[in-house]
Amino acid sequence: MLNQRKYTFSIILLFLAVILTGLFNISLGSVNIPISEVISSLLGLEVEKDTWKYIIVNYRLPKAITAIITGSGLAVSGLLMQTLFRNPLAGPYVLGLSSGASLGVAIVFMGASVFGASFAVILLSKWSLVIASSLGSLLVLFAVILASIRLRDTMAILIIGLMFASLTAAIVSVLAYFSPASQLQQYVFWSYGSLGDLSWDEVGILSLFWIVGILISIGSIKNLNSLLLGEQYARSLGTNIKKNRFAIIIATSLLAGSITAFAGPIAFVGLAVPHLIRQIIPSANHITLVPAVIFGGAILMLLCDIIAQIPGSEYSLPINAITSLIGAPVVIWLLVRKRKFNF
């Protein structure tokens, strides 16, 4: 009981940290806006400069919300995959969803070299990239779902996901080989990831997918806890393994697939955050872990975005580069420590 109270207090602190980090994220950028003015704008009060309010409402606030959705969604996806496969190095993209999305976008960007220039003229738009990315993720998702229905071994699903990732990566490589430098450059820029290109309509659609994915994840908490002791023990508790596996895959696909479609492939967040949270809250209970990971992922993504913006400068760094700089050392640290995991 004492530990649970301590964990609850930690979760409350993480929630407050999300709010504070979000305010700093909106405040800092090429134009630094005082936090007091940010708060006034969010509360609908008068702001000293109209340009500040325009920047906050139309650029900074959608970007901050996107960062929160992206970080929390990928972090929860990573937690689900690590629990399902009982593998500390599993992440939200082990099912091949990111590779499927990359294939869809690669066909749009580099399809002109294969299908003709008119193909690119028709399809090259913001929404066409989102649709192509979503279709690519769905294609891989359907294949993984079919595999999960036919296979009893969960690890076999992991291997199939990795094989699909290799297959789609090979097709992307073939397209890249025959594409001119300009089209290849567009694809590379997309692969860097971006949080600042979404309109309010796109943020709303992404939020809808996020809500559904999080609700499915919360509904799977009891079954996730039973999986920690192995599938045989989970079956003895009355857990329907196939149904539970299907729900986890759907939740991960909704979260990781939609985030990749709108923000691009963001690396390492889903892999690193669950482990970082376990250092703060050493609990195996997903009732505690899921909300903590949601807030932890949001904080990390907001911090990475602040660093990527290089406050006070007109330049910015690729968000993927920053998340990798933070995530890669975490993975190395995990391997070096060889600590005992709760899987």
C-alpha atoms as a PDB file:
ATOM      1  CA  MET A   1       0.000   0.000   0.000  1.00  0.00           C
ATOM      2  CA  LEU A   2       2.863   2.356   0.877  1.00  0.00           C
ATOM      3  CA  ASN A   3       4.572   1.641  -2.458  1.00  0.00           C
ATOM      4  CA  GLN A   4       1.325   2.237  -4.360  1.00  0.00           C
ATOM      5  CA  ARG A   5       0.936   5.643  -2.709  1.00  0.00           C
ATOM      6  CA  LYS A   6       4.513   6.481  -3.648  1.00  0.00           C
ATOM      7  CA  TYR A   7       3.868   5.399  -7.241  1.00  0.00           C
ATOM      8  CA  THR A   8       0.681   7.485  -7.367  1.00  0.00           C
ATOM      9  CA  PHE A   9       2.624  10.516  -6.136  1.00  0.00           C
ATOM     10  CA  SER A  10       5.269   9.893  -8.833  1.00  0.00           C
ATOM     11  CA  ILE A  11       2.567   9.746 -11.522  1.00  0.00           C
ATOM     12  CA  ILE A  12       1.108  13.057 -10.289  1.00  0.00           C
ATOM     13  CA  LEU A  13       4.585  14.615 -10.470  1.00  0.00           C
ATOM     14  CA  LEU A  14       4.995  13.303 -14.021  1.00  0.00           C
ATOM     15  CA  PHE A  15       1.641  14.851 -14.982  1.00  0.00           C
ATOM     16  CA  LEU A  16       2.710  18.223 -13.556  1.00  0.00           C
ATOM     17  CA  ALA A  17       6.024  17.875 -15.413  1.00  0.00           C
ATOM     18  CA  VAL A  18       4.094  17.380 -18.683  1.00  0.00           C
ATOM     19  CA  ILE A  19       2.268  20.683 -18.107  1.00  0.00           C
ATOM     20  CA  LEU A  20       5.477  22.546 -17.203  1.00  0.00           C
ATOM     21  CA  THR A  21       7.447  21.074 -20.124  1.00  0.00           C
ATOM     22  CA  GLY A  22       4.549  21.874 -22.478  1.00  0.00           C
ATOM     23  CA  LEU A  23       4.591  25.521 -21.394  1.00  0.00           C
ATOM     24  CA  PHE A  24       8.353  25.734 -21.982  1.00  0.00           C
ATOM     25  CA  ASN A  25       7.924  24.022 -25.354  1.00  0.00           C
ATOM     26  CA  ILE A  26       5.381  26.627 -26.469  1.00  0.00           C
ATOM     27  CA  SER A  27       7.447  29.472 -25.022  1.00  0.00           C
ATOM     28  CA  LEU A  28      10.794  28.642 -26.644  1.00  0.00           C
ATOM     29  CA  GLY A  29      11.641  28.819 -30.331  1.00  0.00           C
ATOM     30  CA  SER A  30      12.988  31.208 -32.938  1.00  0.00           C
ATOM     31  CA  VAL A  31      10.824  33.829 -31.186  1.00  0.00           C
ATOM     32  CA  ASN A  32      10.941  33.468 -27.408  1.00  0.00           C
ATOM     33  CA  ILE A  33       7.586  34.224 -25.768  1.00  0.00           C
ATOM     34  CA  PRO A  34       7.332  34.795 -21.984  1.00  0.00           C
ATOM     35  CA  ILE A  35       5.601  31.909 -20.194  1.00  0.00           C
ATOM     36  CA  SER A  36       3.188  34.374 -18.570  1.00  0.00           C
ATOM     37  CA  GLU A  37       2.050  35.434 -22.048  1.00  0.00           C
ATOM     38  CA  VAL A  38       1.718  31.779 -23.087  1.00  0.00           C
ATOM     39  CA  ILE A  39      -0.542  31.108 -20.098  1.00  0.00           C
ATOM     40  CA  SER A  40      -2.607  34.231 -20.844  1.00  0.00           C
ATOM     41  CA  SER A  41      -3.065  33.124 -24.449  1.00  0.00           C
ATOM     42  CA  LEU A  42      -4.112  29.595 -23.446  1.00  0.00           C
ATOM     43  CA  LEU A  43      -6.632  31.025 -20.953  1.00  0.00           C
ATOM     44  CA  GLY A  44      -8.093  33.372 -23.587  1.00  0.00           C
ATOM     45  CA  LEU A  45      -6.784  36.520 -21.894  1.00  0.00           C
ATOM     46  CA  GLU A  46      -5.157  39.545 -23.513  1.00  0.00           C
ATOM     47  CA  VAL A  47      -1.633  39.050 -24.860  1.00  0.00           C
ATOM     48  CA  GLU A  48       0.931  41.826 -25.125  1.00  0.00           C
ATOM     49  CA  LYS A  49       1.541  41.237 -28.847  1.00  0.00           C
ATOM     50  CA  ASP A  50      -0.984  39.900 -31.354  1.00  0.00           C
ATOM     51  CA  THR A  51       1.837  38.175 -33.245  1.00  0.00           C
ATOM     52  CA  TRP A  52       2.642  36.122 -30.148  1.00  0.00           C
ATOM     53  CA  LYS A  53      -0.931  34.927 -29.889  1.00  0.00           C
ATOM     54  CA  TYR A  54      -0.985  34.049 -33.607  1.00  0.00           C
ATOM     55  CA  ILE A  55       2.267  32.063 -33.260  1.00  0.00           C
ATOM     56  CA  ILE A  56       0.991  30.217 -30.178  1.00  0.00           C
ATOM     57  CA  VAL A  57      -2.455  29.312 -31.526  1.00  0.00           C
ATOM     58  CA  ASN A  58      -1.481  28.422 -35.083  1.00  0.00           C
ATOM     59  CA  TYR A  59       2.006  26.954 -34.710  1.00  0.00           C
ATOM     60  CA  ARG A  60       3.319  26.271 -31.220  1.00  0.00           C
ATOM     61  CA  LEU A  61       0.191  24.787 -29.581  1.00  0.00           C
ATOM     62  CA  PRO A  62      -0.569  22.266 -32.385  1.00  0.00           C
ATOM     63  CA  LYS A  63       3.109  21.259 -32.363  1.00  0.00           C
ATOM     64  CA  ALA A  64       3.124  20.776 -28.575  1.00  0.00           C
ATOM     65  CA  ILE A  65      -0.051  18.667 -28.716  1.00  0.00           C
ATOM     66  CA  THR A  66       1.474  16.605 -31.546  1.00  0.00           C
ATOM     67  CA  ALA A  67       4.605  16.067 -29.433  1.00  0.00           C
ATOM     68  CA  ILE A  68       2.496  14.897 -26.476  1.00  0.00           C
ATOM     69  CA  ILE A  69       0.465  12.513 -28.645  1.00  0.00           C
ATOM     70  CA  THR A  70       3.563  11.213 -30.436  1.00  0.00           C
ATOM     71  CA  GLY A  71       5.647  10.657 -27.316  1.00  0.00           C
ATOM     72  CA  SER A  72       2.890   9.079 -25.241  1.00  0.00           C
ATOM     73  CA  GLY A  73       1.561   6.941 -28.108  1.00  0.00           C
ATOM     74  CA  LEU A  74       4.958   5.516 -29.036  1.00  0.00           C
ATOM     75  CA  ALA A  75       5.861   4.955 -25.371  1.00  0.00           C
ATOM     76  CA  VAL A  76       2.670   2.968 -24.712  1.00  0.00           C
ATOM     77  CA  SER A  77       3.200   1.008 -27.948  1.00  0.00           C
ATOM     78  CA  GLY A  78       6.711   0.126 -26.809  1.00  0.00           C
ATOM     79  CA  LEU A  79       5.441  -1.013 -23.407  1.00  0.00           C
ATOM     80  CA  LEU A  80       2.795  -3.220 -25.056  1.00  0.00           C
ATOM     81  CA  MET A  81       5.330  -4.842 -27.381  1.00  0.00           C
ATOM     82  CA  GLN A  82       7.887  -5.421 -24.609  1.00  0.00           C
ATOM     83  CA  THR A  83       5.230  -7.120 -22.491  1.00  0.00           C
ATOM     84  CA  LEU A  84       3.703  -9.154 -25.335  1.00  0.00           C
ATOM     85  CA  PHE A  85       7.041 -10.506 -26.555  1.00  0.00           C
ATOM     86  CA  ARG A  86       8.652 -10.417 -23.094  1.00  0.00           C
ATOM     87  CA  ASN A  87      11.625  -8.767 -24.750  1.00  0.00           C
ATOM     88  CA  PRO A  88      13.196  -5.602 -23.274  1.00  0.00           C
ATOM     89  CA  LEU A  89      14.472  -4.527 -26.697  1.00  0.00           C
ATOM     90  CA  ALA A  90      11.100  -4.715 -28.467  1.00  0.00           C
ATOM     91  CA  GLY A  91       9.680  -1.398 -29.678  1.00  0.00           C
ATOM     92  CA  PRO A  92       6.543  -0.072 -31.360  1.00  0.00           C
ATOM     93  CA  TYR A  93       7.920  -0.780 -34.844  1.00  0.00           C
ATOM     94  CA  VAL A  94       8.937  -4.443 -34.393  1.00  0.00           C
ATOM     95  CA  LEU A  95       5.782  -5.499 -36.249  1.00  0.00           C
ATOM     96  CA  GLY A  96       7.053  -3.760 -39.388  1.00  0.00           C
ATOM     97  CA  LEU A  97       4.500  -0.928 -39.284  1.00  0.00           C
ATOM     98  CA  SER A  98       7.101   1.800 -39.762  1.00  0.00           C
ATOM     99  CA  SER A  99       8.630  -0.051 -42.704  1.00  0.00           C
ATOM    100  CA  GLY A 100       5.191  -0.467 -44.289  1.00  0.00           C
ATOM    101  CA  ALA A 101       4.521   3.257 -43.861  1.00  0.00           C
ATOM    102  CA  SER A 102       7.946   4.067 -45.319  1.00  0.00           C
ATOM    103  CA  LEU A 103       7.169   1.919 -48.350  1.00  0.00           C
ATOM    104  CA  GLY A 104       3.907   3.781 -48.969  1.00  0.00           C
ATOM    105  CA  VAL A 105       5.634   7.166 -48.748  1.00  0.00           C
ATOM    106  CA  ALA A 106       8.558   5.957 -50.881  1.00  0.00           C
ATOM    107  CA  ILE A 107       6.141   4.930 -53.639  1.00  0.00           C
ATOM    108  CA  VAL A 108       4.626   8.438 -53.593  1.00  0.00           C
ATOM    109  CA  PHE A 109       7.956  10.290 -53.525  1.00  0.00           C
ATOM    110  CA  MET A 110       9.956   8.031 -55.796  1.00  0.00           C
ATOM    111  CA  GLY A 111       7.166   6.509 -57.882  1.00  0.00           C
ATOM    112  CA  ALA A 112       7.742   8.968 -60.729  1.00  0.00           C
ATOM    113  CA  SER A 113      10.930   7.183 -61.721  1.00  0.00           C
ATOM    114  CA  VAL A 114       9.008   3.907 -62.034  1.00  0.00           C
ATOM    115  CA  PHE A 115       5.418   4.893 -62.919  1.00  0.00           C
ATOM    116  CA  GLY A 116       6.009   8.168 -64.760  1.00  0.00           C
ATOM    117  CA  ALA A 117       6.070  11.861 -63.825  1.00  0.00           C
ATOM    118  CA  SER A 118       2.271  12.222 -63.936  1.00  0.00           C
ATOM    119  CA  PHE A 119       2.081   9.787 -60.996  1.00  0.00           C
ATOM    120  CA  ALA A 120       3.992  12.171 -58.717  1.00  0.00           C
ATOM    121  CA  VAL A 121       2.031  15.226 -59.851  1.00  0.00           C
ATOM    122  CA  ILE A 122      -1.269  13.543 -58.948  1.00  0.00           C
ATOM    123  CA  LEU A 123      -0.217  12.081 -55.591  1.00  0.00           C
ATOM    124  CA  LEU A 124       2.417  14.427 -54.153  1.00  0.00           C
ATOM    125  CA  SER A 125       0.489  16.315 -51.474  1.00  0.00           C
ATOM    126  CA  LYS A 126       0.312  16.336 -47.682  1.00  0.00           C
ATOM    127  CA  TRP A 127      -2.813  14.156 -47.477  1.00  0.00           C
ATOM    128  CA  SER A 128      -1.546  11.735 -50.107  1.00  0.00           C
ATOM    129  CA  LEU A 129       1.526  11.103 -47.944  1.00  0.00           C
ATOM    130  CA  VAL A 130      -0.670  10.447 -44.911  1.00  0.00           C
ATOM    131  CA  ILE A 131      -2.926   8.097 -46.888  1.00  0.00           C
ATOM    132  CA  ALA A 132       0.025   6.283 -48.495  1.00  0.00           C
ATOM    133  CA  SER A 133       1.725   5.881 -45.125  1.00  0.00           C
ATOM    134  CA  SER A 134      -1.494   4.593 -43.550  1.00  0.00           C
ATOM    135  CA  LEU A 135      -2.103   2.114 -46.375  1.00  0.00           C
ATOM    136  CA  GLY A 136       1.458   0.812 -46.086  1.00  0.00           C
ATOM    137  CA  SER A 137       1.039   0.295 -42.331  1.00  0.00           C
ATOM    138  CA  LEU A 138      -2.366  -1.366 -42.835  1.00  0.00           C
ATOM    139  CA  LEU A 139      -0.920  -3.778 -45.389  1.00  0.00           C
ATOM    140  CA  VAL A 140       1.688  -4.976 -42.922  1.00  0.00           C
ATOM    141  CA  LEU A 141      -0.879  -4.957 -40.087  1.00  0.00           C
ATOM    142  CA  PHE A 142      -3.251  -7.280 -41.952  1.00  0.00           C
ATOM    143  CA  ALA A 143      -0.396  -9.665 -42.672  1.00  0.00           C
ATOM    144  CA  VAL A 144       0.646  -9.700 -38.996  1.00  0.00           C
ATOM    145  CA  ILE A 145      -2.973 -10.203 -37.851  1.00  0.00           C
ATOM    146  CA  LEU A 146      -3.363 -13.170 -40.204  1.00  0.00           C
ATOM    147  CA  ALA A 147      -0.153 -14.590 -38.783  1.00  0.00           C
ATOM    148  CA  SER A 148      -1.339 -14.050 -35.193  1.00  0.00           C
ATOM    149  CA  ILE A 149      -4.560 -15.955 -35.929  1.00  0.00           C
ATOM    150  CA  ARG A 150      -2.738 -18.942 -37.441  1.00  0.00           C
ATOM    151  CA  LEU A 151       0.273 -19.090 -35.099  1.00  0.00           C
ATOM    152  CA  ARG A 152       0.352 -20.115 -31.453  1.00  0.00           C
ATOM    153  CA  ASP A 153       3.905 -18.940 -30.813  1.00  0.00           C
ATOM    154  CA  THR A 154       4.140 -15.213 -30.042  1.00  0.00           C
ATOM    155  CA  MET A 155       7.841 -15.082 -30.923  1.00  0.00           C
ATOM    156  CA  ALA A 156       7.015 -16.307 -34.438  1.00  0.00           C
ATOM    157  CA  ILE A 157       4.890 -13.163 -34.897  1.00  0.00           C
ATOM    158  CA  LEU A 158       7.896 -11.050 -33.900  1.00  0.00           C
ATOM    159  CA  ILE A 159      10.056 -12.783 -36.501  1.00  0.00           C
ATOM    160  CA  ILE A 160       7.370 -12.332 -39.178  1.00  0.00           C
ATOM    161  CA  GLY A 161       7.183  -8.616 -38.348  1.00  0.00           C
ATOM    162  CA  LEU A 162      10.953  -8.303 -38.716  1.00  0.00           C
ATOM    163  CA  MET A 163      10.843 -10.165 -42.032  1.00  0.00           C
ATOM    164  CA  PHE A 164       8.179  -7.812 -43.372  1.00  0.00           C
ATOM    165  CA  ALA A 165      10.367  -4.907 -42.286  1.00  0.00           C
ATOM    166  CA  SER A 166      13.291  -6.345 -44.242  1.00  0.00           C
ATOM    167  CA  LEU A 167      11.095  -7.004 -47.279  1.00  0.00           C
ATOM    168  CA  THR A 168       9.666  -3.482 -47.426  1.00  0.00           C
ATOM    169  CA  ALA A 169      13.134  -1.978 -46.796  1.00  0.00           C
ATOM    170  CA  ALA A 170      14.436  -3.923 -49.796  1.00  0.00           C
ATOM    171  CA  ILE A 171      11.655  -2.546 -52.036  1.00  0.00           C
ATOM    172  CA  VAL A 172      12.397   0.994 -50.810  1.00  0.00           C
ATOM    173  CA  SER A 173      16.080   0.455 -51.660  1.00  0.00           C
ATOM    174  CA  VAL A 174      15.167  -0.595 -55.216  1.00  0.00           C
ATOM    175  CA  LEU A 175      12.986   2.506 -55.643  1.00  0.00           C
ATOM    176  CA  ALA A 176      15.746   4.710 -54.243  1.00  0.00           C
ATOM    177  CA  TYR A 177      18.298   3.223 -56.644  1.00  0.00           C
ATOM    178  CA  PHE A 178      16.232   4.260 -59.694  1.00  0.00           C
ATOM    179  CA  SER A 179      15.162   7.668 -58.323  1.00  0.00           C
ATOM    180  CA  PRO A 180      16.786  11.043 -59.058  1.00  0.00           C
ATOM    181  CA  ALA A 181      18.471  12.929 -56.231  1.00  0.00           C
ATOM    182  CA  SER A 182      15.604  15.425 -55.768  1.00  0.00           C
ATOM    183  CA  GLN A 183      13.000  12.708 -55.112  1.00  0.00           C
ATOM    184  CA  LEU A 184      15.381  10.782 -52.884  1.00  0.00           C
ATOM    185  CA  GLN A 185      16.016  13.953 -50.878  1.00  0.00           C
ATOM    186  CA  GLN A 186      12.266  14.446 -50.302  1.00  0.00           C
ATOM    187  CA  TYR A 187      11.980  10.929 -48.929  1.00  0.00           C
ATOM    188  CA  VAL A 188      15.005  11.412 -46.662  1.00  0.00           C
ATOM    189  CA  PHE A 189      13.518  14.638 -45.248  1.00  0.00           C
ATOM    190  CA  TRP A 190      10.262  12.782 -44.481  1.00  0.00           C
ATOM    191  CA  SER A 191      12.228  10.048 -42.691  1.00  0.00           C
ATOM    192  CA  TYR A 192      13.694  12.684 -40.338  1.00  0.00           C
ATOM    193  CA  GLY A 193      10.241  13.112 -38.771  1.00  0.00           C
ATOM    194  CA  SER A 194       8.451  16.376 -38.070  1.00  0.00           C
ATOM    195  CA  LEU A 195       6.081  17.601 -35.358  1.00  0.00           C
ATOM    196  CA  GLY A 196       5.383  21.077 -36.729  1.00  0.00           C
ATOM    197  CA  ASP A 197       3.667  20.457 -40.050  1.00  0.00           C
ATOM    198  CA  LEU A 198       0.206  19.496 -38.773  1.00  0.00           C
ATOM    199  CA  SER A 199      -2.897  21.673 -39.023  1.00  0.00           C
ATOM    200  CA  TRP A 200      -5.611  21.640 -36.361  1.00  0.00           C
ATOM    201  CA  ASP A 201      -7.692  19.276 -38.541  1.00  0.00           C
ATOM    202  CA  GLU A 202      -4.799  16.820 -38.777  1.00  0.00           C
ATOM    203  CA  VAL A 203      -4.142  17.081 -35.036  1.00  0.00           C
ATOM    204  CA  GLY A 204      -7.816  16.256 -34.448  1.00  0.00           C
ATOM    205  CA  ILE A 205      -7.661  13.118 -36.623  1.00  0.00           C
ATOM    206  CA  LEU A 206      -4.413  12.001 -34.971  1.00  0.00           C
ATOM    207  CA  SER A 207      -5.981  12.595 -31.530  1.00  0.00           C
ATOM    208  CA  LEU A 208      -8.902  10.335 -32.444  1.00  0.00           C
ATOM    209  CA  PHE A 209      -6.581   7.424 -33.298  1.00  0.00           C
ATOM    210  CA  TRP A 210      -4.593   8.118 -30.123  1.00  0.00           C
ATOM    211  CA  ILE A 211      -7.687   8.028 -27.896  1.00  0.00           C
ATOM    212  CA  VAL A 212      -8.895   4.713 -29.361  1.00  0.00           C
ATOM    213  CA  GLY A 213      -5.424   3.152 -29.061  1.00  0.00           C
ATOM    214  CA  ILE A 214      -4.989   4.310 -25.455  1.00  0.00           C
ATOM    215  CA  LEU A 215      -8.458   3.052 -24.474  1.00  0.00           C
ATOM    216  CA  ILE A 216      -7.705  -0.403 -25.914  1.00  0.00           C
ATOM    217  CA  SER A 217      -4.385  -0.387 -24.043  1.00  0.00           C
ATOM    218  CA  ILE A 218      -6.082   0.504 -20.765  1.00  0.00           C
ATOM    219  CA  GLY A 219      -8.663  -2.228 -21.346  1.00  0.00           C
ATOM    220  CA  SER A 220      -5.817  -4.753 -21.774  1.00  0.00           C
ATOM    221  CA  ILE A 221      -4.050  -3.916 -18.489  1.00  0.00           C
ATOM    222  CA  LYS A 222      -5.274  -6.997 -16.595  1.00  0.00           C
ATOM    223  CA  ASN A 223      -4.236  -9.323 -19.410  1.00  0.00           C
ATOM    224  CA  LEU A 224      -0.867  -7.577 -19.746  1.00  0.00           C
ATOM    225  CA  ASN A 225      -0.156  -8.293 -16.082  1.00  0.00           C
ATOM    226  CA  SER A 226      -1.000 -11.976 -16.565  1.00  0.00           C
ATOM    227  CA  LEU A 227       1.366 -12.201 -19.570  1.00  0.00           C
ATOM    228  CA  LEU A 228       4.316 -11.186 -17.382  1.00  0.00           C
ATOM    229  CA  LEU A 229       4.308 -14.687 -15.868  1.00  0.00           C
ATOM    230  CA  GLY A 230       4.187 -16.430 -19.247  1.00  0.00           C
ATOM    231  CA  GLU A 231       1.483 -17.540 -21.649  1.00  0.00           C
ATOM    232  CA  GLN A 232       0.888 -20.868 -19.908  1.00  0.00           C
ATOM    233  CA  TYR A 233       0.196 -19.172 -16.581  1.00  0.00           C
ATOM    234  CA  ALA A 234      -1.980 -16.580 -18.325  1.00  0.00           C
ATOM    235  CA  ARG A 235      -4.059 -19.390 -19.864  1.00  0.00           C
ATOM    236  CA  SER A 236      -4.477 -20.955 -16.423  1.00  0.00           C
ATOM    237  CA  LEU A 237      -5.936 -17.632 -15.238  1.00  0.00           C
ATOM    238  CA  GLY A 238      -8.522 -17.788 -18.019  1.00  0.00           C
ATOM    239  CA  THR A 239      -6.847 -15.304 -20.363  1.00  0.00           C
ATOM    240  CA  ASN A 240      -7.730 -15.760 -24.029  1.00  0.00           C
ATOM    241  CA  ILE A 241      -4.223 -15.458 -25.476  1.00  0.00           C
ATOM    242  CA  LYS A 242      -5.244 -15.016 -29.126  1.00  0.00           C
ATOM    243  CA  LYS A 243      -7.881 -12.402 -28.305  1.00  0.00           C
ATOM    244  CA  ASN A 244      -5.507 -10.570 -25.984  1.00  0.00           C
ATOM    245  CA  ARG A 245      -2.700 -10.690 -28.551  1.00  0.00           C
ATOM    246  CA  PHE A 246      -5.069  -9.346 -31.212  1.00  0.00           C
ATOM    247  CA  ALA A 247      -6.110  -6.409 -28.968  1.00  0.00           C
ATOM    248  CA  ILE A 248      -2.484  -5.519 -28.199  1.00  0.00           C
ATOM    249  CA  ILE A 249      -1.506  -5.629 -31.880  1.00  0.00           C
ATOM    250  CA  ILE A 250      -4.487  -3.449 -32.839  1.00  0.00           C
ATOM    251  CA  ALA A 251      -3.680  -0.886 -30.115  1.00  0.00           C
ATOM    252  CA  THR A 252      -0.024  -0.752 -31.161  1.00  0.00           C
ATOM    253  CA  SER A 253      -0.966  -0.445 -34.831  1.00  0.00           C
ATOM    254  CA  LEU A 254      -3.422   2.400 -34.209  1.00  0.00           C
ATOM    255  CA  LEU A 255      -0.894   4.333 -32.143  1.00  0.00           C
ATOM    256  CA  ALA A 256       2.338   3.676 -34.029  1.00  0.00           C
ATOM    257  CA  GLY A 257       0.719   3.600 -37.484  1.00  0.00           C
ATOM    258  CA  SER A 258      -1.165   6.896 -37.129  1.00  0.00           C
ATOM    259  CA  ILE A 259       1.838   8.663 -35.570  1.00  0.00           C
ATOM    260  CA  THR A 260       4.103   7.496 -38.397  1.00  0.00           C
ATOM    261  CA  ALA A 261       1.527   8.615 -40.961  1.00  0.00           C
ATOM    262  CA  PHE A 262       1.296  12.156 -39.581  1.00  0.00           C
ATOM    263  CA  ALA A 263       4.703  12.789 -37.966  1.00  0.00           C
ATOM    264  CA  GLY A 264       7.006  10.350 -39.740  1.00  0.00           C
ATOM    265  CA  PRO A 265       9.036   7.491 -38.208  1.00  0.00           C
ATOM    266  CA  ILE A 266      10.206   8.694 -34.784  1.00  0.00           C
ATOM    267  CA  ALA A 267      12.977   6.464 -33.438  1.00  0.00           C
ATOM    268  CA  PHE A 268      13.840   5.143 -29.966  1.00  0.00           C
ATOM    269  CA  VAL A 269      11.077   6.877 -27.941  1.00  0.00           C
ATOM    270  CA  GLY A 270       8.940   3.748 -27.704  1.00  0.00           C
ATOM    271  CA  LEU A 271      11.969   1.637 -26.841  1.00  0.00           C
ATOM    272  CA  ALA A 272      13.602   3.900 -24.259  1.00  0.00           C
ATOM    273  CA  VAL A 273      10.708   5.442 -22.305  1.00  0.00           C
ATOM    274  CA  PRO A 274       9.328   2.234 -20.669  1.00  0.00           C
ATOM    275  CA  HIS A 275      12.796   1.472 -19.274  1.00  0.00           C
ATOM    276  CA  LEU A 276      13.350   5.036 -18.086  1.00  0.00           C
ATOM    277  CA  ILE A 277       9.980   4.949 -16.306  1.00  0.00           C
ATOM    278  CA  ARG A 278      10.835   1.643 -14.630  1.00  0.00           C
ATOM    279  CA  GLN A 279      13.840   3.377 -13.062  1.00  0.00           C
ATOM    280  CA  ILE A 280      11.497   5.972 -11.538  1.00  0.00           C
ATOM    281  CA  ILE A 281       8.654   3.569 -10.725  1.00  0.00           C
ATOM    282  CA  PRO A 282      10.077   0.047 -10.160  1.00  0.00           C
ATOM    283  CA  SER A 283       6.753  -1.707 -10.597  1.00  0.00           C
ATOM    284  CA  ALA A 284       5.615  -4.477 -12.933  1.00  0.00           C
ATOM    285  CA  ASN A 285       1.934  -3.580 -12.502  1.00  0.00           C
ATOM    286  CA  HIS A 286       0.578  -2.064 -15.718  1.00  0.00           C
ATOM    287  CA  ILE A 287      -2.094  -0.157 -13.795  1.00  0.00           C
ATOM    288  CA  THR A 288       0.825   1.977 -12.629  1.00  0.00           C
ATOM    289  CA  LEU A 289       3.081   1.654 -15.678  1.00  0.00           C
ATOM    290  CA  VAL A 290       0.614   2.660 -18.418  1.00  0.00           C
ATOM    291  CA  PRO A 291      -0.225   6.171 -17.097  1.00  0.00           C
ATOM    292  CA  ALA A 292       3.393   6.725 -16.054  1.00  0.00           C
ATOM    293  CA  VAL A 293       4.631   5.765 -19.524  1.00  0.00           C
ATOM    294  CA  ILE A 294       2.032   8.050 -21.155  1.00  0.00           C
ATOM    295  CA  PHE A 295       3.314  11.041 -19.191  1.00  0.00           C
ATOM    296  CA  GLY A 296       6.965  10.013 -19.490  1.00  0.00           C
ATOM    297  CA  GLY A 297       6.734   9.691 -23.277  1.00  0.00           C
ATOM    298  CA  ALA A 298       5.084  13.099 -23.547  1.00  0.00           C
ATOM    299  CA  ILE A 299       7.806  14.721 -21.406  1.00  0.00           C
ATOM    300  CA  LEU A 300      10.644  13.153 -23.403  1.00  0.00           C
ATOM    301  CA  MET A 301       9.128  14.163 -26.738  1.00  0.00           C
ATOM    302  CA  LEU A 302       8.527  17.746 -25.573  1.00  0.00           C
ATOM    303  CA  LEU A 303      12.114  18.001 -24.318  1.00  0.00           C
ATOM    304  CA  CYS A 304      13.478  16.573 -27.582  1.00  0.00           C
ATOM    305  CA  ASP A 305      11.411  19.098 -29.535  1.00  0.00           C
ATOM    306  CA  ILE A 306      12.744  21.962 -27.402  1.00  0.00           C
ATOM    307  CA  ILE A 307      16.315  20.858 -28.135  1.00  0.00           C
ATOM    308  CA  ALA A 308      15.560  20.348 -31.835  1.00  0.00           C
ATOM    309  CA  GLN A 309      14.179  23.879 -32.143  1.00  0.00           C
ATOM    310  CA  ILE A 310      17.484  25.396 -30.872  1.00  0.00           C
ATOM    311  CA  PRO A 311      15.728  28.181 -28.870  1.00  0.00           C
ATOM    312  CA  GLY A 312      16.652  31.681 -29.998  1.00  0.00           C
ATOM    313  CA  SER A 313      17.832  30.439 -33.405  1.00  0.00           C
ATOM    314  CA  GLU A 314      16.050  30.338 -36.752  1.00  0.00           C
ATOM    315  CA  TYR A 315      17.503  26.902 -37.396  1.00  0.00           C
ATOM    316  CA  SER A 316      16.165  23.547 -36.235  1.00  0.00           C
ATOM    317  CA  LEU A 317      17.455  19.980 -36.071  1.00  0.00           C
ATOM    318  CA  PRO A 318      15.652  16.803 -37.243  1.00  0.00           C
ATOM    319  CA  ILE A 319      13.565  15.455 -34.363  1.00  0.00           C
ATOM    320  CA  ASN A 320      14.695  11.915 -35.200  1.00  0.00           C
ATOM    321  CA  ALA A 321      18.322  12.891 -34.634  1.00  0.00           C
ATOM    322  CA  ILE A 322      17.557  14.190 -31.138  1.00  0.00           C
ATOM    323  CA  THR A 323      15.446  11.168 -30.095  1.00  0.00           C
ATOM    324  CA  SER A 324      18.196   8.847 -31.337  1.00  0.00           C
ATOM    325  CA  LEU A 325      20.866  10.775 -29.405  1.00  0.00           C
ATOM    326  CA  ILE A 326      18.849  10.165 -26.244  1.00  0.00           C
ATOM    327  CA  GLY A 327      17.456   6.713 -27.017  1.00  0.00           C
ATOM    328  CA  ALA A 328      20.582   4.972 -28.296  1.00  0.00           C
ATOM    329  CA  PRO A 329      22.617   5.531 -25.084  1.00  0.00           C
ATOM    330  CA  VAL A 330      19.671   4.146 -23.080  1.00  0.00           C
ATOM    331  CA  VAL A 331      19.700   0.915 -25.119  1.00  0.00           C
ATOM    332  CA  ILE A 332      23.480   0.607 -24.747  1.00  0.00           C
ATOM    333  CA  TRP A 333      23.164   1.211 -21.006  1.00  0.00           C
ATOM    334  CA  LEU A 334      20.525  -1.520 -20.755  1.00  0.00           C
ATOM    335  CA  LEU A 335      22.741  -4.026 -22.544  1.00  0.00           C
ATOM    336  CA  VAL A 336      25.815  -3.153 -20.465  1.00  0.00           C
ATOM    337  CA  ARG A 337      24.008  -3.338 -17.116  1.00  0.00           C
ATOM    338  CA  LYS A 338      22.295  -6.652 -17.994  1.00  0.00           C
ATOM    339  CA  ARG A 339      19.832  -6.009 -15.229  1.00  0.00           C
ATOM    340  CA  LYS A 340      16.920  -8.351 -14.496  1.00  0.00           C
ATOM    341  CA  PHE A 341      13.814  -7.263 -16.392  1.00  0.00           C
ATOM    342  CA  ASN A 342      10.216  -7.755 -15.358  1.00  0.00           C
ATOM    343  CA  PHE A 343       9.259  -9.792 -18.422  1.00  0.00           C
END
